Amino acid sequence: MIRTLFPLLIAAFALTAHAAVDINKASQAELETIKGIGPSMSGRMLDERKKGSFKDWPDMVARVKGIGQGNAGKFAADGLTVNGSGFKPELLASNKPAAHSDKKPSVDTSRELTAMKK
């Protein structure tokens, strides 16, 4: 009997260890079951959640200091969700402002400037 019960208990524990933890519903202890989320990070998450529920991953990443795309992906892989949704890196990429480009214009304006000086 014990030989049968022990493997079942281990299997049940393994299934619950990767159960989804929704950031909008989880307690501090539940958040800390996610690898990489400790007391400090879970506290920041809960403080931001008091201001209002997280709409989606980009909202959570923008509001919680210390969470970027890398951490968001790791937390999601360990079972963290936002409103039941898993992390999709393309959501963050589409919400970033366009990067400033230091490229020179493709049109050579130096000749026009020289002509204007004459």
PDB file of N, CA and C in Angstrom:
ATOM      1  N   MET A   1       0.823  -1.196   0.000  1.00  0.00           N
ATOM      2  CA  MET A   1       0.000   0.000   0.000  1.00  0.00           C
ATOM      3  C   MET A   1       0.871   1.267   0.000  1.00  0.00           C
ATOM      4  N   ILE A   2       1.870   1.307   0.861  1.00  0.00           N
ATOM      5  CA  ILE A   2       2.741   2.469   0.939  1.00  0.00           C
ATOM      6  C   ILE A   2       3.550   2.611  -0.350  1.00  0.00           C
ATOM      7  N   ARG A   3       3.947   1.478  -0.931  1.00  0.00           N
ATOM      8  CA  ARG A   3       4.702   1.537  -2.191  1.00  0.00           C
ATOM      9  C   ARG A   3       3.874   2.152  -3.306  1.00  0.00           C
ATOM     10  N   THR A   4       2.596   2.012  -3.274  1.00  0.00           N
ATOM     11  CA  THR A   4       1.711   2.592  -4.281  1.00  0.00           C
ATOM     12  C   THR A   4       1.410   4.057  -3.952  1.00  0.00           C
ATOM     13  N   LEU A   5       1.214   4.349  -2.683  1.00  0.00           N
ATOM     14  CA  LEU A   5       0.851   5.688  -2.260  1.00  0.00           C
ATOM     15  C   LEU A   5       1.991   6.698  -2.464  1.00  0.00           C
ATOM     16  N   PHE A   6       3.202   6.303  -2.172  1.00  0.00           N
ATOM     17  CA  PHE A   6       4.349   7.198  -2.273  1.00  0.00           C
ATOM     18  C   PHE A   6       4.550   7.734  -3.694  1.00  0.00           C
ATOM     19  N   PRO A   7       4.573   6.895  -4.724  1.00  0.00           N
ATOM     20  CA  PRO A   7       4.712   7.431  -6.099  1.00  0.00           C
ATOM     21  C   PRO A   7       3.546   8.332  -6.503  1.00  0.00           C
ATOM     22  N   LEU A   8       2.352   8.039  -6.018  1.00  0.00           N
ATOM     23  CA  LEU A   8       1.203   8.888  -6.333  1.00  0.00           C
ATOM     24  C   LEU A   8       1.354  10.275  -5.696  1.00  0.00           C
ATOM     25  N   LEU A   9       1.854  10.306  -4.480  1.00  0.00           N
ATOM     26  CA  LEU A   9       2.070  11.582  -3.812  1.00  0.00           C
ATOM     27  C   LEU A   9       3.141  12.404  -4.533  1.00  0.00           C
ATOM     28  N   ILE A  10       4.190  11.749  -4.964  1.00  0.00           N
ATOM     29  CA  ILE A  10       5.250  12.443  -5.699  1.00  0.00           C
ATOM     30  C   ILE A  10       4.709  12.986  -7.020  1.00  0.00           C
ATOM     31  N   ALA A  11       3.913  12.204  -7.705  1.00  0.00           N
ATOM     32  CA  ALA A  11       3.328  12.647  -8.972  1.00  0.00           C
ATOM     33  C   ALA A  11       2.393  13.835  -8.746  1.00  0.00           C
ATOM     34  N   ALA A  12       1.600  13.793  -7.701  1.00  0.00           N
ATOM     35  CA  ALA A  12       0.693  14.903  -7.399  1.00  0.00           C
ATOM     36  C   ALA A  12       1.479  16.166  -7.070  1.00  0.00           C
ATOM     37  N   PHE A  13       2.561  16.017  -6.321  1.00  0.00           N
ATOM     38  CA  PHE A  13       3.397  17.170  -5.989  1.00  0.00           C
ATOM     39  C   PHE A  13       4.034  17.759  -7.240  1.00  0.00           C
ATOM     40  N   ALA A  14       4.490  16.924  -8.130  1.00  0.00           N
ATOM     41  CA  ALA A  14       5.125  17.393  -9.368  1.00  0.00           C
ATOM     42  C   ALA A  14       4.134  18.169 -10.223  1.00  0.00           C
ATOM     43  N   LEU A  15       2.890  17.735 -10.268  1.00  0.00           N
ATOM     44  CA  LEU A  15       1.879  18.437 -11.048  1.00  0.00           C
ATOM     45  C   LEU A  15       1.540  19.785 -10.439  1.00  0.00           C
ATOM     46  N   THR A  16       1.469  19.863  -9.130  1.00  0.00           N
ATOM     47  CA  THR A  16       1.143  21.133  -8.493  1.00  0.00           C
ATOM     48  C   THR A  16       2.328  22.083  -8.494  1.00  0.00           C
ATOM     49  N   ALA A  17       3.532  21.567  -8.588  1.00  0.00           N
ATOM     50  CA  ALA A  17       4.716  22.427  -8.598  1.00  0.00           C
ATOM     51  C   ALA A  17       4.758  23.300  -9.845  1.00  0.00           C
ATOM     52  N   HIS A  18       4.182  22.854 -10.939  1.00  0.00           N
ATOM     53  CA  HIS A  18       4.161  23.629 -12.175  1.00  0.00           C
ATOM     54  C   HIS A  18       2.772  24.162 -12.485  1.00  0.00           C
ATOM     55  N   ALA A  19       1.928  24.253 -11.457  1.00  0.00           N
ATOM     56  CA  ALA A  19       0.596  24.804 -11.664  1.00  0.00           C
ATOM     57  C   ALA A  19       0.716  26.299 -11.933  1.00  0.00           C
ATOM     58  N   ALA A  20      -0.181  26.811 -12.740  1.00  0.00           N
ATOM     59  CA  ALA A  20      -0.149  28.223 -13.088  1.00  0.00           C
ATOM     60  C   ALA A  20      -0.437  29.085 -11.861  1.00  0.00           C
ATOM     61  N   VAL A  21       0.325  30.157 -11.743  1.00  0.00           N
ATOM     62  CA  VAL A  21       0.150  31.126 -10.675  1.00  0.00           C
ATOM     63  C   VAL A  21      -0.167  32.450 -11.357  1.00  0.00           C
ATOM     64  N   ASP A  22      -1.387  32.943 -11.185  1.00  0.00           N
ATOM     65  CA  ASP A  22      -1.776  34.202 -11.815  1.00  0.00           C
ATOM     66  C   ASP A  22      -1.386  35.359 -10.918  1.00  0.00           C
ATOM     67  N   ILE A  23      -0.640  36.294 -11.463  1.00  0.00           N
ATOM     68  CA  ILE A  23      -0.123  37.415 -10.686  1.00  0.00           C
ATOM     69  C   ILE A  23      -1.239  38.274 -10.097  1.00  0.00           C
ATOM     70  N   ASN A  24      -2.405  38.296 -10.714  1.00  0.00           N
ATOM     71  CA  ASN A  24      -3.513  39.105 -10.209  1.00  0.00           C
ATOM     72  C   ASN A  24      -4.287  38.431  -9.085  1.00  0.00           C
ATOM     73  N   LYS A  25      -4.017  37.158  -8.817  1.00  0.00           N
ATOM     74  CA  LYS A  25      -4.767  36.422  -7.800  1.00  0.00           C
ATOM     75  C   LYS A  25      -3.887  35.821  -6.714  1.00  0.00           C
ATOM     76  N   ALA A  26      -2.605  35.689  -6.970  1.00  0.00           N
ATOM     77  CA  ALA A  26      -1.709  34.943  -6.092  1.00  0.00           C
ATOM     78  C   ALA A  26      -1.351  35.716  -4.824  1.00  0.00           C
ATOM     79  N   SER A  27      -1.141  34.955  -3.766  1.00  0.00           N
ATOM     80  CA  SER A  27      -0.632  35.525  -2.525  1.00  0.00           C
ATOM     81  C   SER A  27       0.882  35.667  -2.652  1.00  0.00           C
ATOM     82  N   GLN A  28       1.496  36.305  -1.676  1.00  0.00           N
ATOM     83  CA  GLN A  28       2.947  36.456  -1.699  1.00  0.00           C
ATOM     84  C   GLN A  28       3.617  35.091  -1.675  1.00  0.00           C
ATOM     85  N   ALA A  29       3.119  34.181  -0.858  1.00  0.00           N
ATOM     86  CA  ALA A  29       3.704  32.836  -0.777  1.00  0.00           C
ATOM     87  C   ALA A  29       3.578  32.108  -2.111  1.00  0.00           C
ATOM     88  N   GLU A  30       2.449  32.265  -2.790  1.00  0.00           N
ATOM     89  CA  GLU A  30       2.268  31.604  -4.085  1.00  0.00           C
ATOM     90  C   GLU A  30       3.210  32.190  -5.136  1.00  0.00           C
ATOM     91  N   LEU A  31       3.389  33.508  -5.127  1.00  0.00           N
ATOM     92  CA  LEU A  31       4.315  34.133  -6.078  1.00  0.00           C
ATOM     93  C   LEU A  31       5.739  33.629  -5.852  1.00  0.00           C
ATOM     94  N   GLU A  32       6.103  33.418  -4.592  1.00  0.00           N
ATOM     95  CA  GLU A  32       7.458  32.994  -4.274  1.00  0.00           C
ATOM     96  C   GLU A  32       7.733  31.533  -4.620  1.00  0.00           C
ATOM     97  N   THR A  33       6.707  30.803  -5.057  1.00  0.00           N
ATOM     98  CA  THR A  33       6.944  29.440  -5.535  1.00  0.00           C
ATOM     99  C   THR A  33       7.541  29.451  -6.945  1.00  0.00           C
ATOM    100  N   ILE A  34       7.470  30.596  -7.613  1.00  0.00           N
ATOM    101  CA  ILE A  34       8.046  30.744  -8.950  1.00  0.00           C
ATOM    102  C   ILE A  34       9.544  30.987  -8.798  1.00  0.00           C
ATOM    103  N   LYS A  35      10.340  30.188  -9.485  1.00  0.00           N
ATOM    104  CA  LYS A  35      11.794  30.317  -9.415  1.00  0.00           C
ATOM    105  C   LYS A  35      12.210  31.723  -9.850  1.00  0.00           C
ATOM    106  N   GLY A  36      13.008  32.378  -9.009  1.00  0.00           N
ATOM    107  CA  GLY A  36      13.484  33.717  -9.311  1.00  0.00           C
ATOM    108  C   GLY A  36      12.680  34.819  -8.644  1.00  0.00           C
ATOM    109  N   ILE A  37      11.528  34.479  -8.077  1.00  0.00           N
ATOM    110  CA  ILE A  37      10.725  35.471  -7.368  1.00  0.00           C
ATOM    111  C   ILE A  37      10.905  35.242  -5.873  1.00  0.00           C
ATOM    112  N   GLY A  38      11.533  36.213  -5.241  1.00  0.00           N
ATOM    113  CA  GLY A  38      11.752  36.149  -3.803  1.00  0.00           C
ATOM    114  C   GLY A  38      10.872  37.161  -3.094  1.00  0.00           C
ATOM    115  N   PRO A  39      11.116  37.372  -1.808  1.00  0.00           N
ATOM    116  CA  PRO A  39      10.290  38.307  -1.036  1.00  0.00           C
ATOM    117  C   PRO A  39      10.297  39.736  -1.595  1.00  0.00           C
ATOM    118  N   SER A  40      11.436  40.201  -2.056  1.00  0.00           N
ATOM    119  CA  SER A  40      11.534  41.563  -2.577  1.00  0.00           C
ATOM    120  C   SER A  40      10.712  41.725  -3.859  1.00  0.00           C
ATOM    121  N   MET A  41      10.910  40.808  -4.802  1.00  0.00           N
ATOM    122  CA  MET A  41      10.199  40.879  -6.084  1.00  0.00           C
ATOM    123  C   MET A  41       8.692  40.696  -5.881  1.00  0.00           C
ATOM    124  N   SER A  42       8.302  39.721  -5.063  1.00  0.00           N
ATOM    125  CA  SER A  42       6.868  39.500  -4.841  1.00  0.00           C
ATOM    126  C   SER A  42       6.246  40.714  -4.157  1.00  0.00           C
ATOM    127  N   GLY A  43       7.007  41.372  -3.271  1.00  0.00           N
ATOM    128  CA  GLY A  43       6.503  42.586  -2.624  1.00  0.00           C
ATOM    129  C   GLY A  43       6.252  43.696  -3.625  1.00  0.00           C
ATOM    130  N   ARG A  44       7.192  43.875  -4.584  1.00  0.00           N
ATOM    131  CA  ARG A  44       6.996  44.883  -5.629  1.00  0.00           C
ATOM    132  C   ARG A  44       5.790  44.547  -6.494  1.00  0.00           C
ATOM    133  N   MET A  45       5.623  43.269  -6.782  1.00  0.00           N
ATOM    134  CA  MET A  45       4.474  42.851  -7.591  1.00  0.00           C
ATOM    135  C   MET A  45       3.170  43.162  -6.869  1.00  0.00           C
ATOM    136  N   LEU A  46       3.112  42.827  -5.591  1.00  0.00           N
ATOM    137  CA  LEU A  46       1.885  43.053  -4.818  1.00  0.00           C
ATOM    138  C   LEU A  46       1.618  44.539  -4.634  1.00  0.00           C
ATOM    139  N   ASP A  47       2.668  45.344  -4.443  1.00  0.00           N
ATOM    140  CA  ASP A  47       2.484  46.788  -4.305  1.00  0.00           C
ATOM    141  C   ASP A  47       1.882  47.376  -5.571  1.00  0.00           C
ATOM    142  N   GLU A  48       2.375  46.947  -6.729  1.00  0.00           N
ATOM    143  CA  GLU A  48       1.821  47.441  -7.994  1.00  0.00           C
ATOM    144  C   GLU A  48       0.408  46.925  -8.221  1.00  0.00           C
ATOM    145  N   ARG A  49       0.146  45.717  -7.791  1.00  0.00           N
ATOM    146  CA  ARG A  49      -1.195  45.146  -7.973  1.00  0.00           C
ATOM    147  C   ARG A  49      -2.227  45.904  -7.142  1.00  0.00           C
ATOM    148  N   LYS A  50      -1.807  46.466  -5.996  1.00  0.00           N
ATOM    149  CA  LYS A  50      -2.727  47.256  -5.170  1.00  0.00           C
ATOM    150  C   LYS A  50      -3.226  48.482  -5.925  1.00  0.00           C
ATOM    151  N   LYS A  51      -2.413  48.993  -6.840  1.00  0.00           N
ATOM    152  CA  LYS A  51      -2.785  50.164  -7.640  1.00  0.00           C
ATOM    153  C   LYS A  51      -3.779  49.803  -8.736  1.00  0.00           C
ATOM    154  N   GLY A  52      -3.868  48.533  -9.061  1.00  0.00           N
ATOM    155  CA  GLY A  52      -4.770  48.058 -10.109  1.00  0.00           C
ATOM    156  C   GLY A  52      -4.256  46.753 -10.688  1.00  0.00           C
ATOM    157  N   SER A  53      -5.174  45.923 -11.128  1.00  0.00           N
ATOM    158  CA  SER A  53      -4.790  44.635 -11.709  1.00  0.00           C
ATOM    159  C   SER A  53      -3.931  44.852 -12.946  1.00  0.00           C
ATOM    160  N   PHE A  54      -3.069  43.883 -13.206  1.00  0.00           N
ATOM    161  CA  PHE A  54      -2.250  43.927 -14.412  1.00  0.00           C
ATOM    162  C   PHE A  54      -3.107  43.504 -15.595  1.00  0.00           C
ATOM    163  N   LYS A  55      -3.065  44.303 -16.679  1.00  0.00           N
ATOM    164  CA  LYS A  55      -3.869  43.990 -17.864  1.00  0.00           C
ATOM    165  C   LYS A  55      -3.265  42.841 -18.661  1.00  0.00           C
ATOM    166  N   ASP A  56      -1.932  42.899 -18.821  1.00  0.00           N
ATOM    167  CA  ASP A  56      -1.242  41.914 -19.641  1.00  0.00           C
ATOM    168  C   ASP A  56       0.236  41.942 -19.279  1.00  0.00           C
ATOM    169  N   TRP A  57       1.028  41.138 -19.975  1.00  0.00           N
ATOM    170  CA  TRP A  57       2.460  41.051 -19.689  1.00  0.00           C
ATOM    171  C   TRP A  57       3.169  42.392 -19.876  1.00  0.00           C
ATOM    172  N   PRO A  58       2.934  43.112 -20.977  1.00  0.00           N
ATOM    173  CA  PRO A  58       3.620  44.404 -21.125  1.00  0.00           C
ATOM    174  C   PRO A  58       3.296  45.377 -19.988  1.00  0.00           C
ATOM    175  N   ASP A  59       2.059  45.351 -19.514  1.00  0.00           N
ATOM    176  CA  ASP A  59       1.665  46.205 -18.390  1.00  0.00           C
ATOM    177  C   ASP A  59       2.439  45.816 -17.133  1.00  0.00           C
ATOM    178  N   MET A  60       2.541  44.535 -16.880  1.00  0.00           N
ATOM    179  CA  MET A  60       3.260  44.056 -15.696  1.00  0.00           C
ATOM    180  C   MET A  60       4.745  44.383 -15.786  1.00  0.00           C
ATOM    181  N   VAL A  61       5.353  44.167 -16.945  1.00  0.00           N
ATOM    182  CA  VAL A  61       6.780  44.435 -17.126  1.00  0.00           C
ATOM    183  C   VAL A  61       7.059  45.932 -16.968  1.00  0.00           C
ATOM    184  N   ALA A  62       6.162  46.770 -17.461  1.00  0.00           N
ATOM    185  CA  ALA A  62       6.346  48.218 -17.367  1.00  0.00           C
ATOM    186  C   ALA A  62       6.209  48.716 -15.926  1.00  0.00           C
ATOM    187  N   ARG A  63       5.354  48.089 -15.159  1.00  0.00           N
ATOM    188  CA  ARG A  63       5.067  48.597 -13.810  1.00  0.00           C
ATOM    189  C   ARG A  63       5.946  48.029 -12.709  1.00  0.00           C
ATOM    190  N   VAL A  64       6.462  46.815 -12.867  1.00  0.00           N
ATOM    191  CA  VAL A  64       7.232  46.177 -11.798  1.00  0.00           C
ATOM    192  C   VAL A  64       8.714  46.324 -12.089  1.00  0.00           C
ATOM    193  N   LYS A  65       9.395  47.087 -11.239  1.00  0.00           N
ATOM    194  CA  LYS A  65      10.830  47.321 -11.403  1.00  0.00           C
ATOM    195  C   LYS A  65      11.583  46.002 -11.272  1.00  0.00           C
ATOM    196  N   GLY A  66      12.532  45.784 -12.178  1.00  0.00           N
ATOM    197  CA  GLY A  66      13.363  44.587 -12.126  1.00  0.00           C
ATOM    198  C   GLY A  66      12.890  43.448 -13.004  1.00  0.00           C
ATOM    199  N   ILE A  67      11.787  43.665 -13.708  1.00  0.00           N
ATOM    200  CA  ILE A  67      11.300  42.624 -14.623  1.00  0.00           C
ATOM    201  C   ILE A  67      11.433  43.147 -16.044  1.00  0.00           C
ATOM    202  N   GLY A  68      12.227  42.426 -16.810  1.00  0.00           N
ATOM    203  CA  GLY A  68      12.370  42.724 -18.234  1.00  0.00           C
ATOM    204  C   GLY A  68      11.884  41.526 -19.025  1.00  0.00           C
ATOM    205  N   GLN A  69      12.185  41.536 -20.287  1.00  0.00           N
ATOM    206  CA  GLN A  69      11.747  40.440 -21.155  1.00  0.00           C
ATOM    207  C   GLN A  69      12.343  39.109 -20.714  1.00  0.00           C
ATOM    208  N   GLY A  70      13.618  39.114 -20.309  1.00  0.00           N
ATOM    209  CA  GLY A  70      14.270  37.869 -19.887  1.00  0.00           C
ATOM    210  C   GLY A  70      13.623  37.262 -18.656  1.00  0.00           C
ATOM    211  N   ASN A  71      13.430  38.077 -17.614  1.00  0.00           N
ATOM    212  CA  ASN A  71      12.796  37.573 -16.397  1.00  0.00           C
ATOM    213  C   ASN A  71      11.352  37.162 -16.656  1.00  0.00           C
ATOM    214  N   ALA A  72      10.655  37.941 -17.459  1.00  0.00           N
ATOM    215  CA  ALA A  72       9.262  37.601 -17.758  1.00  0.00           C
ATOM    216  C   ALA A  72       9.179  36.216 -18.402  1.00  0.00           C
ATOM    217  N   GLY A  73      10.070  35.943 -19.334  1.00  0.00           N
ATOM    218  CA  GLY A  73      10.090  34.630 -19.986  1.00  0.00           C
ATOM    219  C   GLY A  73      10.393  33.513 -19.006  1.00  0.00           C
ATOM    220  N   LYS A  74      11.354  33.748 -18.100  1.00  0.00           N
ATOM    221  CA  LYS A  74      11.698  32.732 -17.102  1.00  0.00           C
ATOM    222  C   LYS A  74      10.538  32.486 -16.141  1.00  0.00           C
ATOM    223  N   PHE A  75       9.920  33.570 -15.679  1.00  0.00           N
ATOM    224  CA  PHE A  75       8.803  33.421 -14.746  1.00  0.00           C
ATOM    225  C   PHE A  75       7.639  32.674 -15.408  1.00  0.00           C
ATOM    226  N   ALA A  76       7.366  32.991 -16.659  1.00  0.00           N
ATOM    227  CA  ALA A  76       6.284  32.319 -17.380  1.00  0.00           C
ATOM    228  C   ALA A  76       6.593  30.837 -17.569  1.00  0.00           C
ATOM    229  N   ALA A  77       7.854  30.525 -17.849  1.00  0.00           N
ATOM    230  CA  ALA A  77       8.237  29.121 -18.026  1.00  0.00           C
ATOM    231  C   ALA A  77       8.041  28.326 -16.731  1.00  0.00           C
ATOM    232  N   ASP A  78       8.149  29.018 -15.602  1.00  0.00           N
ATOM    233  CA  ASP A  78       7.936  28.354 -14.317  1.00  0.00           C
ATOM    234  C   ASP A  78       6.492  28.422 -13.852  1.00  0.00           C
ATOM    235  N   GLY A  79       5.586  28.992 -14.654  1.00  0.00           N
ATOM    236  CA  GLY A  79       4.160  28.928 -14.346  1.00  0.00           C
ATOM    237  C   GLY A  79       3.466  30.231 -14.039  1.00  0.00           C
ATOM    238  N   LEU A  80       4.138  31.369 -14.118  1.00  0.00           N
ATOM    239  CA  LEU A  80       3.487  32.652 -13.852  1.00  0.00           C
ATOM    240  C   LEU A  80       2.641  33.052 -15.055  1.00  0.00           C
ATOM    241  N   THR A  81       1.447  33.535 -14.789  1.00  0.00           N
ATOM    242  CA  THR A  81       0.574  34.029 -15.848  1.00  0.00           C
ATOM    243  C   THR A  81       0.062  35.415 -15.465  1.00  0.00           C
ATOM    244  N   VAL A  82      -0.399  36.161 -16.452  1.00  0.00           N
ATOM    245  CA  VAL A  82      -1.062  37.438 -16.232  1.00  0.00           C
ATOM    246  C   VAL A  82      -2.441  37.308 -16.858  1.00  0.00           C
ATOM    247  N   ASN A  83      -3.468  37.362 -16.023  1.00  0.00           N
ATOM    248  CA  ASN A  83      -4.850  37.139 -16.479  1.00  0.00           C
ATOM    249  C   ASN A  83      -4.992  35.818 -17.226  1.00  0.00           C
ATOM    250  N   GLY A  84      -4.279  34.806 -16.781  1.00  0.00           N
ATOM    251  CA  GLY A  84      -4.359  33.478 -17.372  1.00  0.00           C
ATOM    252  C   GLY A  84      -3.555  33.301 -18.646  1.00  0.00           C
ATOM    253  N   SER A  85      -2.864  34.353 -19.083  1.00  0.00           N
ATOM    254  CA  SER A  85      -2.108  34.278 -20.330  1.00  0.00           C
ATOM    255  C   SER A  85      -0.631  34.041 -20.071  1.00  0.00           C
ATOM    256  N   GLY A  86      -0.048  33.212 -20.910  1.00  0.00           N
ATOM    257  CA  GLY A  86       1.386  32.984 -20.865  1.00  0.00           C
ATOM    258  C   GLY A  86       2.116  34.141 -21.520  1.00  0.00           C
ATOM    259  N   PHE A  87       3.418  34.152 -21.374  1.00  0.00           N
ATOM    260  CA  PHE A  87       4.250  35.232 -21.910  1.00  0.00           C
ATOM    261  C   PHE A  87       4.544  35.014 -23.374  1.00  0.00           C
ATOM    262  N   LYS A  88       4.435  36.099 -24.141  1.00  0.00           N
ATOM    263  CA  LYS A  88       4.794  36.089 -25.563  1.00  0.00           C
ATOM    264  C   LYS A  88       5.742  37.259 -25.796  1.00  0.00           C
ATOM    265  N   PRO A  89       7.031  36.967 -26.065  1.00  0.00           N
ATOM    266  CA  PRO A  89       8.021  38.044 -26.222  1.00  0.00           C
ATOM    267  C   PRO A  89       7.636  39.090 -27.265  1.00  0.00           C
ATOM    268  N   GLU A  90       6.923  38.691 -28.301  1.00  0.00           N
ATOM    269  CA  GLU A  90       6.566  39.649 -29.349  1.00  0.00           C
ATOM    270  C   GLU A  90       5.623  40.736 -28.842  1.00  0.00           C
ATOM    271  N   LEU A  91       4.892  40.464 -27.739  1.00  0.00           N
ATOM    272  CA  LEU A  91       4.022  41.496 -27.171  1.00  0.00           C
ATOM    273  C   LEU A  91       4.851  42.662 -26.642  1.00  0.00           C
ATOM    274  N   LEU A  92       5.974  42.356 -26.005  1.00  0.00           N
ATOM    275  CA  LEU A  92       6.831  43.414 -25.477  1.00  0.00           C
ATOM    276  C   LEU A  92       7.534  44.146 -26.602  1.00  0.00           C
ATOM    277  N   ALA A  93       7.963  43.423 -27.611  1.00  0.00           N
ATOM    278  CA  ALA A  93       8.682  44.032 -28.730  1.00  0.00           C
ATOM    279  C   ALA A  93       7.785  45.014 -29.478  1.00  0.00           C
ATOM    280  N   SER A  94       6.511  44.699 -29.609  1.00  0.00           N
ATOM    281  CA  SER A  94       5.605  45.572 -30.357  1.00  0.00           C
ATOM    282  C   SER A  94       5.234  46.814 -29.565  1.00  0.00           C
ATOM    283  N   ASN A  95       5.416  46.797 -28.240  1.00  0.00           N
ATOM    284  CA  ASN A  95       5.076  47.954 -27.416  1.00  0.00           C
ATOM    285  C   ASN A  95       6.252  48.880 -27.152  1.00  0.00           C
ATOM    286  N   LYS A  96       7.442  48.519 -27.610  1.00  0.00           N
ATOM    287  CA  LYS A  96       8.607  49.367 -27.412  1.00  0.00           C
ATOM    288  C   LYS A  96       8.591  50.491 -28.421  1.00  0.00           C
ATOM    289  N   PRO A  97       9.026  51.690 -27.990  1.00  0.00           N
ATOM    290  CA  PRO A  97       9.124  52.773 -28.980  1.00  0.00           C
ATOM    291  C   PRO A  97      10.239  52.475 -29.972  1.00  0.00           C
ATOM    292  N   ALA A  98      10.129  53.053 -31.138  1.00  0.00           N
ATOM    293  CA  ALA A  98      11.142  52.823 -32.169  1.00  0.00           C
ATOM    294  C   ALA A  98      12.492  53.316 -31.671  1.00  0.00           C
ATOM    295  N   ALA A  99      13.507  52.551 -31.944  1.00  0.00           N
ATOM    296  CA  ALA A  99      14.860  52.912 -31.510  1.00  0.00           C
ATOM    297  C   ALA A  99      15.350  54.101 -32.313  1.00  0.00           C
ATOM    298  N   HIS A 100      16.098  54.971 -31.651  1.00  0.00           N
ATOM    299  CA  HIS A 100      16.677  56.138 -32.322  1.00  0.00           C
ATOM    300  C   HIS A 100      17.793  55.666 -33.241  1.00  0.00           C
ATOM    301  N   SER A 101      17.775  56.138 -34.434  1.00  0.00           N
ATOM    302  CA  SER A 101      18.784  55.730 -35.399  1.00  0.00           C
ATOM    303  C   SER A 101      19.815  56.832 -35.580  1.00  0.00           C
ATOM    304  N   ASP A 102      21.078  56.446 -35.578  1.00  0.00           N
ATOM    305  CA  ASP A 102      22.162  57.388 -35.814  1.00  0.00           C
ATOM    306  C   ASP A 102      22.621  57.362 -37.270  1.00  0.00           C
ATOM    307  N   LYS A 103      21.861  56.725 -38.109  1.00  0.00           N
ATOM    308  CA  LYS A 103      22.243  56.637 -39.514  1.00  0.00           C
ATOM    309  C   LYS A 103      22.120  58.001 -40.175  1.00  0.00           C
ATOM    310  N   LYS A 104      23.006  58.253 -41.124  1.00  0.00           N
ATOM    311  CA  LYS A 104      22.956  59.484 -41.888  1.00  0.00           C
ATOM    312  C   LYS A 104      21.834  59.375 -42.910  1.00  0.00           C
ATOM    313  N   PRO A 105      21.266  60.490 -43.279  1.00  0.00           N
ATOM    314  CA  PRO A 105      20.210  60.430 -44.289  1.00  0.00           C
ATOM    315  C   PRO A 105      20.760  59.874 -45.594  1.00  0.00           C
ATOM    316  N   SER A 106      19.903  59.208 -46.333  1.00  0.00           N
ATOM    317  CA  SER A 106      20.347  58.579 -47.571  1.00  0.00           C
ATOM    318  C   SER A 106      20.588  59.615 -48.670  1.00  0.00           C
ATOM    319  N   VAL A 107      20.017  60.798 -48.556  1.00  0.00           N
ATOM    320  CA  VAL A 107      20.201  61.856 -49.547  1.00  0.00           C
ATOM    321  C   VAL A 107      21.388  62.710 -49.120  1.00  0.00           C
ATOM    322  N   ASP A 108      22.257  63.009 -50.046  1.00  0.00           N
ATOM    323  CA  ASP A 108      23.423  63.839 -49.755  1.00  0.00           C
ATOM    324  C   ASP A 108      22.985  65.300 -49.764  1.00  0.00           C
ATOM    325  N   THR A 109      22.873  65.890 -48.571  1.00  0.00           N
ATOM    326  CA  THR A 109      22.422  67.280 -48.464  1.00  0.00           C
ATOM    327  C   THR A 109      23.574  68.260 -48.436  1.00  0.00           C
ATOM    328  N   SER A 110      24.826  67.771 -48.413  1.00  0.00           N
ATOM    329  CA  SER A 110      25.968  68.682 -48.347  1.00  0.00           C
ATOM    330  C   SER A 110      26.067  69.572 -49.572  1.00  0.00           C
ATOM    331  N   ARG A 111      25.737  69.067 -50.744  1.00  0.00           N
ATOM    332  CA  ARG A 111      25.785  69.868 -51.959  1.00  0.00           C
ATOM    333  C   ARG A 111      24.732  70.981 -51.909  1.00  0.00           C
ATOM    334  N   GLU A 112      23.557  70.639 -51.382  1.00  0.00           N
ATOM    335  CA  GLU A 112      22.493  71.621 -51.288  1.00  0.00           C
ATOM    336  C   GLU A 112      22.884  72.725 -50.322  1.00  0.00           C
ATOM    337  N   LEU A 113      23.530  72.377 -49.210  1.00  0.00           N
ATOM    338  CA  LEU A 113      23.961  73.366 -48.237  1.00  0.00           C
ATOM    339  C   LEU A 113      25.036  74.278 -48.831  1.00  0.00           C
ATOM    340  N   THR A 114      25.966  73.711 -49.594  1.00  0.00           N
ATOM    341  CA  THR A 114      27.026  74.491 -50.227  1.00  0.00           C
ATOM    342  C   THR A 114      26.416  75.454 -51.240  1.00  0.00           C
ATOM    343  N   ALA A 115      25.450  75.003 -51.988  1.00  0.00           N
ATOM    344  CA  ALA A 115      24.795  75.848 -52.986  1.00  0.00           C
ATOM    345  C   ALA A 115      24.041  76.981 -52.310  1.00  0.00           C
ATOM    346  N   MET A 116      23.459  76.739 -51.167  1.00  0.00           N
ATOM    347  CA  MET A 116      22.704  77.754 -50.458  1.00  0.00           C
ATOM    348  C   MET A 116      23.609  78.842 -49.891  1.00  0.00           C
ATOM    349  N   LYS A 117      24.864  78.471 -49.545  1.00  0.00           N
ATOM    350  CA  LYS A 117      25.795  79.441 -48.977  1.00  0.00           C
ATOM    351  C   LYS A 117      26.278  80.432 -50.027  1.00  0.00           C
ATOM    352  N   LYS A 118      26.287  80.041 -51.304  1.00  0.00           N
ATOM    353  CA  LYS A 118      26.779  80.899 -52.403  1.00  0.00           C
ATOM    354  C   LYS A 118      25.796  81.926 -52.754  1.00  0.00           C
TER     355      LYS A 118
END
